[in-house]
Amino acid sequence: MTSISDTNDIVEEVVQIQISKPVLRQGSKSRAVEDLQHLLSYWGVYTGPVNGNFGQQTEQGVKDFQRRVFLKEDGSVAERTWRALYTGAPVDMPELSKGCNGELVKTVQRVLKSTHDYIGWIDGDFGDLTEASVTSLQRRCELPVTGVVDESTWYALSKVP
């Protein structure tokens, strides 16, 4: 979020969502599990009963959602997963650009390969081909074309089926 002060300086404001929810995992039983099941249903990753019992089907819904928003697929619902569930988007993702490398770059390459934007090897190296693939996705999604995987690009990547 950007705001302009009296002196016409642009000040970046970071909005952090704080959610006070318990950590949930298979075997949990509570009203918070019902909230979780409602959220999972809303995001289309859970079709089971909303009964407050965190069973295998709820755990699978959590893992499916975690995969979608690039979180560790452990099936437990802690603070980051809660924030992602309430926003419907990846949270706390780093900005990636040319020169970056590692597992998150591989994740981006895999998603871009599934959309046919990326035709290279899944090597974890954010080079020219990965940058061109990111710009292709950004154009198609009507995002600013920067070649950088920023918050809006992470969001677009999370919406790829």
C-alpha atoms as a PDB file:
ATOM      1  CA  MET A   1       0.000   0.000   0.000  1.00  0.00           C
ATOM      2  CA  THR A   2       1.418   3.405  -0.896  1.00  0.00           C
ATOM      3  CA  SER A   3       0.508   6.744   0.594  1.00  0.00           C
ATOM      4  CA  ILE A   4       1.671  10.272  -0.065  1.00  0.00           C
ATOM      5  CA  SER A   5       2.662  12.540   2.820  1.00  0.00           C
ATOM      6  CA  ASP A   6       2.334  16.326   3.075  1.00  0.00           C
ATOM      7  CA  THR A   7       5.789  16.729   1.550  1.00  0.00           C
ATOM      8  CA  ASN A   8       4.854  14.574  -1.451  1.00  0.00           C
ATOM      9  CA  ASP A   9       7.231  11.832  -0.338  1.00  0.00           C
ATOM     10  CA  ILE A  10       5.994   8.355  -1.112  1.00  0.00           C
ATOM     11  CA  VAL A  11       5.893   6.175   1.973  1.00  0.00           C
ATOM     12  CA  GLU A  12       5.515   2.415   1.718  1.00  0.00           C
ATOM     13  CA  GLU A  13       3.179   0.943   4.299  1.00  0.00           C
ATOM     14  CA  VAL A  14       3.368  -2.730   5.090  1.00  0.00           C
ATOM     15  CA  VAL A  15       0.117  -4.221   6.276  1.00  0.00           C
ATOM     16  CA  GLN A  16       0.543  -7.315   8.401  1.00  0.00           C
ATOM     17  CA  ILE A  17      -2.427  -9.490   9.159  1.00  0.00           C
ATOM     18  CA  GLN A  18      -2.379 -10.888  12.670  1.00  0.00           C
ATOM     19  CA  ILE A  19      -4.619 -13.880  13.214  1.00  0.00           C
ATOM     20  CA  SER A  20      -5.166 -15.346  16.631  1.00  0.00           C
ATOM     21  CA  LYS A  21      -6.059 -18.943  15.889  1.00  0.00           C
ATOM     22  CA  PRO A  22      -4.794 -22.172  17.434  1.00  0.00           C
ATOM     23  CA  VAL A  23      -2.442 -24.557  15.684  1.00  0.00           C
ATOM     24  CA  LEU A  24      -4.573 -27.364  14.279  1.00  0.00           C
ATOM     25  CA  ARG A  25      -3.653 -30.820  13.064  1.00  0.00           C
ATOM     26  CA  GLN A  26      -5.263 -34.182  12.512  1.00  0.00           C
ATOM     27  CA  GLY A  27      -7.157 -35.155  15.678  1.00  0.00           C
ATOM     28  CA  SER A  28      -8.056 -31.561  16.637  1.00  0.00           C
ATOM     29  CA  LYS A  29     -11.713 -30.961  17.507  1.00  0.00           C
ATOM     30  CA  SER A  30     -13.036 -27.438  17.957  1.00  0.00           C
ATOM     31  CA  ARG A  31     -14.926 -24.469  16.578  1.00  0.00           C
ATOM     32  CA  ALA A  32     -11.619 -23.394  14.979  1.00  0.00           C
ATOM     33  CA  VAL A  33     -11.660 -26.643  12.960  1.00  0.00           C
ATOM     34  CA  GLU A  34     -15.138 -25.705  11.714  1.00  0.00           C
ATOM     35  CA  ASP A  35     -13.746 -22.296  10.671  1.00  0.00           C
ATOM     36  CA  LEU A  36     -10.915 -24.102   8.896  1.00  0.00           C
ATOM     37  CA  GLN A  37     -13.326 -26.440   7.097  1.00  0.00           C
ATOM     38  CA  HIS A  38     -15.428 -23.471   5.952  1.00  0.00           C
ATOM     39  CA  LEU A  39     -12.327 -21.723   4.593  1.00  0.00           C
ATOM     40  CA  LEU A  40     -11.069 -24.863   2.845  1.00  0.00           C
ATOM     41  CA  SER A  41     -14.522 -25.313   1.283  1.00  0.00           C
ATOM     42  CA  TYR A  42     -14.531 -21.681   0.164  1.00  0.00           C
ATOM     43  CA  TRP A  43     -11.179 -22.160  -1.605  1.00  0.00           C
ATOM     44  CA  GLY A  44     -12.439 -25.347  -3.258  1.00  0.00           C
ATOM     45  CA  VAL A  45     -10.059 -27.823  -1.646  1.00  0.00           C
ATOM     46  CA  TYR A  46     -12.470 -29.500   0.775  1.00  0.00           C
ATOM     47  CA  THR A  47     -15.845 -31.085   0.153  1.00  0.00           C
ATOM     48  CA  GLY A  48     -16.272 -32.961   3.409  1.00  0.00           C
ATOM     49  CA  PRO A  49     -18.549 -32.195   6.341  1.00  0.00           C
ATOM     50  CA  VAL A  50     -18.144 -29.055   8.426  1.00  0.00           C
ATOM     51  CA  ASN A  51     -18.202 -30.822  11.763  1.00  0.00           C
ATOM     52  CA  GLY A  52     -15.243 -29.504  13.768  1.00  0.00           C
ATOM     53  CA  ASN A  53     -13.349 -32.795  13.512  1.00  0.00           C
ATOM     54  CA  PHE A  54      -9.922 -32.572  11.859  1.00  0.00           C
ATOM     55  CA  GLY A  55      -9.715 -35.928  10.113  1.00  0.00           C
ATOM     56  CA  GLN A  56      -7.904 -37.293   7.087  1.00  0.00           C
ATOM     57  CA  GLN A  57     -10.130 -35.463   4.589  1.00  0.00           C
ATOM     58  CA  THR A  58      -9.535 -32.112   6.324  1.00  0.00           C
ATOM     59  CA  GLU A  59      -5.799 -32.808   6.412  1.00  0.00           C
ATOM     60  CA  GLN A  60      -5.785 -33.516   2.665  1.00  0.00           C
ATOM     61  CA  GLY A  61      -7.653 -30.251   2.048  1.00  0.00           C
ATOM     62  CA  VAL A  62      -5.045 -28.389   4.100  1.00  0.00           C
ATOM     63  CA  LYS A  63      -2.203 -30.006   2.136  1.00  0.00           C
ATOM     64  CA  ASP A  64      -3.892 -29.172  -1.189  1.00  0.00           C
ATOM     65  CA  PHE A  65      -4.302 -25.557  -0.094  1.00  0.00           C
ATOM     66  CA  GLN A  66      -0.727 -25.359   1.199  1.00  0.00           C
ATOM     67  CA  ARG A  67       0.540 -26.624  -2.154  1.00  0.00           C
ATOM     68  CA  ARG A  68      -1.510 -23.956  -3.958  1.00  0.00           C
ATOM     69  CA  VAL A  69      -0.001 -21.134  -1.892  1.00  0.00           C
ATOM     70  CA  PHE A  70       3.558 -22.496  -1.819  1.00  0.00           C
ATOM     71  CA  LEU A  71       3.659 -23.446   1.858  1.00  0.00           C
ATOM     72  CA  LYS A  72       5.221 -26.577   3.315  1.00  0.00           C
ATOM     73  CA  GLU A  73       2.641 -29.338   2.797  1.00  0.00           C
ATOM     74  CA  ASP A  74       2.605 -30.681   6.328  1.00  0.00           C
ATOM     75  CA  GLY A  75      -1.171 -30.750   6.860  1.00  0.00           C
ATOM     76  CA  SER A  76      -1.008 -28.693  10.043  1.00  0.00           C
ATOM     77  CA  VAL A  77      -2.512 -25.231  10.280  1.00  0.00           C
ATOM     78  CA  ALA A  78      -0.272 -22.705  12.005  1.00  0.00           C
ATOM     79  CA  GLU A  79      -0.028 -18.925  11.662  1.00  0.00           C
ATOM     80  CA  ARG A  80       1.191 -18.737   8.025  1.00  0.00           C
ATOM     81  CA  THR A  81      -1.427 -21.191   6.798  1.00  0.00           C
ATOM     82  CA  TRP A  82      -4.162 -19.288   8.656  1.00  0.00           C
ATOM     83  CA  ARG A  83      -3.044 -16.009   7.046  1.00  0.00           C
ATOM     84  CA  ALA A  84      -3.025 -17.620   3.603  1.00  0.00           C
ATOM     85  CA  LEU A  85      -6.479 -19.094   4.216  1.00  0.00           C
ATOM     86  CA  TYR A  86      -7.902 -15.685   5.130  1.00  0.00           C
ATOM     87  CA  THR A  87      -6.268 -13.898   2.177  1.00  0.00           C
ATOM     88  CA  GLY A  88      -6.473 -16.679  -0.406  1.00  0.00           C
ATOM     89  CA  ALA A  89      -2.921 -15.878  -1.401  1.00  0.00           C
ATOM     90  CA  PRO A  90       0.685 -16.811  -0.714  1.00  0.00           C
ATOM     91  CA  VAL A  91       2.170 -15.036   2.316  1.00  0.00           C
ATOM     92  CA  ASP A  92       5.725 -14.021   3.211  1.00  0.00           C
ATOM     93  CA  MET A  93       7.101 -14.996  -0.191  1.00  0.00           C
ATOM     94  CA  PRO A  94      10.431 -13.474  -1.196  1.00  0.00           C
ATOM     95  CA  GLU A  95      10.856 -11.419  -4.333  1.00  0.00           C
ATOM     96  CA  LEU A  96      12.677 -13.453  -6.973  1.00  0.00           C
ATOM     97  CA  SER A  97      14.549 -12.023  -9.937  1.00  0.00           C
ATOM     98  CA  LYS A  98      17.330 -12.777 -12.383  1.00  0.00           C
ATOM     99  CA  GLY A  99      20.316 -14.215 -10.543  1.00  0.00           C
ATOM    100  CA  CYS A 100      18.292 -15.936  -7.807  1.00  0.00           C
ATOM    101  CA  ASN A 101      18.456 -19.689  -7.447  1.00  0.00           C
ATOM    102  CA  GLY A 102      17.091 -22.478  -5.303  1.00  0.00           C
ATOM    103  CA  GLU A 103      13.948 -24.457  -4.546  1.00  0.00           C
ATOM    104  CA  LEU A 104      11.535 -21.525  -4.873  1.00  0.00           C
ATOM    105  CA  VAL A 105      12.881 -20.778  -8.344  1.00  0.00           C
ATOM    106  CA  LYS A 106      12.273 -24.452  -9.198  1.00  0.00           C
ATOM    107  CA  THR A 107       8.711 -24.052  -7.919  1.00  0.00           C
ATOM    108  CA  VAL A 108       8.183 -21.018 -10.152  1.00  0.00           C
ATOM    109  CA  GLN A 109       9.664 -22.891 -13.123  1.00  0.00           C
ATOM    110  CA  ARG A 110       7.357 -25.882 -12.520  1.00  0.00           C
ATOM    111  CA  VAL A 111       4.260 -23.687 -12.419  1.00  0.00           C
ATOM    112  CA  LEU A 112       5.373 -21.761 -15.511  1.00  0.00           C
ATOM    113  CA  LYS A 113       6.089 -25.046 -17.296  1.00  0.00           C
ATOM    114  CA  SER A 114       2.514 -26.164 -16.560  1.00  0.00           C
ATOM    115  CA  THR A 115       1.220 -22.968 -18.223  1.00  0.00           C
ATOM    116  CA  HIS A 116       3.579 -23.485 -21.198  1.00  0.00           C
ATOM    117  CA  ASP A 117       5.326 -20.188 -20.447  1.00  0.00           C
ATOM    118  CA  TYR A 118       8.575 -21.954 -19.529  1.00  0.00           C
ATOM    119  CA  ILE A 119      10.250 -24.471 -21.813  1.00  0.00           C
ATOM    120  CA  GLY A 120      13.599 -24.919 -20.074  1.00  0.00           C
ATOM    121  CA  TRP A 121      14.952 -27.321 -17.490  1.00  0.00           C
ATOM    122  CA  ILE A 122      13.688 -27.178 -13.924  1.00  0.00           C
ATOM    123  CA  ASP A 123      17.111 -26.230 -12.606  1.00  0.00           C
ATOM    124  CA  GLY A 124      16.419 -23.588  -9.969  1.00  0.00           C
ATOM    125  CA  ASP A 125      18.436 -20.950 -11.845  1.00  0.00           C
ATOM    126  CA  PHE A 126      16.551 -17.697 -12.499  1.00  0.00           C
ATOM    127  CA  GLY A 127      18.174 -16.805 -15.805  1.00  0.00           C
ATOM    128  CA  ASP A 128      17.053 -15.188 -19.046  1.00  0.00           C
ATOM    129  CA  LEU A 129      14.581 -17.948 -19.929  1.00  0.00           C
ATOM    130  CA  THR A 130      12.900 -17.862 -16.514  1.00  0.00           C
ATOM    131  CA  GLU A 131      12.723 -14.069 -16.661  1.00  0.00           C
ATOM    132  CA  ALA A 132      11.107 -14.190 -20.122  1.00  0.00           C
ATOM    133  CA  SER A 133       8.631 -16.780 -18.838  1.00  0.00           C
ATOM    134  CA  VAL A 134       7.692 -14.600 -15.873  1.00  0.00           C
ATOM    135  CA  THR A 135       7.121 -11.612 -18.179  1.00  0.00           C
ATOM    136  CA  SER A 136       4.908 -13.772 -20.395  1.00  0.00           C
ATOM    137  CA  LEU A 137       2.738 -14.719 -17.402  1.00  0.00           C
ATOM    138  CA  GLN A 138       2.652 -11.106 -16.223  1.00  0.00           C
ATOM    139  CA  ARG A 139       1.473  -9.901 -19.652  1.00  0.00           C
ATOM    140  CA  ARG A 140      -1.254 -12.540 -19.823  1.00  0.00           C
ATOM    141  CA  CYS A 141      -2.434 -11.724 -16.287  1.00  0.00           C
ATOM    142  CA  GLU A 142      -2.303  -7.978 -16.985  1.00  0.00           C
ATOM    143  CA  LEU A 143       0.295  -7.367 -14.283  1.00  0.00           C
ATOM    144  CA  PRO A 144       3.168  -4.888 -14.482  1.00  0.00           C
ATOM    145  CA  VAL A 145       5.709  -6.567 -16.773  1.00  0.00           C
ATOM    146  CA  THR A 146       8.892  -6.570 -14.710  1.00  0.00           C
ATOM    147  CA  GLY A 147      10.255 -10.105 -14.980  1.00  0.00           C
ATOM    148  CA  VAL A 148      10.374 -10.139 -11.172  1.00  0.00           C
ATOM    149  CA  VAL A 149       8.321 -12.561  -9.104  1.00  0.00           C
ATOM    150  CA  ASP A 150       6.756 -10.113  -6.668  1.00  0.00           C
ATOM    151  CA  GLU A 151       3.633 -10.329  -4.505  1.00  0.00           C
ATOM    152  CA  SER A 152       1.180  -9.933  -7.397  1.00  0.00           C
ATOM    153  CA  THR A 153       3.068 -12.479  -9.499  1.00  0.00           C
ATOM    154  CA  TRP A 154       3.111 -14.987  -6.613  1.00  0.00           C
ATOM    155  CA  TYR A 155      -0.655 -14.474  -6.373  1.00  0.00           C
ATOM    156  CA  ALA A 156      -1.089 -15.123 -10.117  1.00  0.00           C
ATOM    157  CA  LEU A 157       1.077 -18.239  -9.866  1.00  0.00           C
ATOM    158  CA  SER A 158      -1.064 -19.518  -6.981  1.00  0.00           C
ATOM    159  CA  LYS A 159      -4.160 -19.346  -9.209  1.00  0.00           C
ATOM    160  CA  VAL A 160      -2.680 -21.687 -11.838  1.00  0.00           C
ATOM    161  CA  PRO A 161      -4.586 -24.995 -11.608  1.00  0.00           C
END
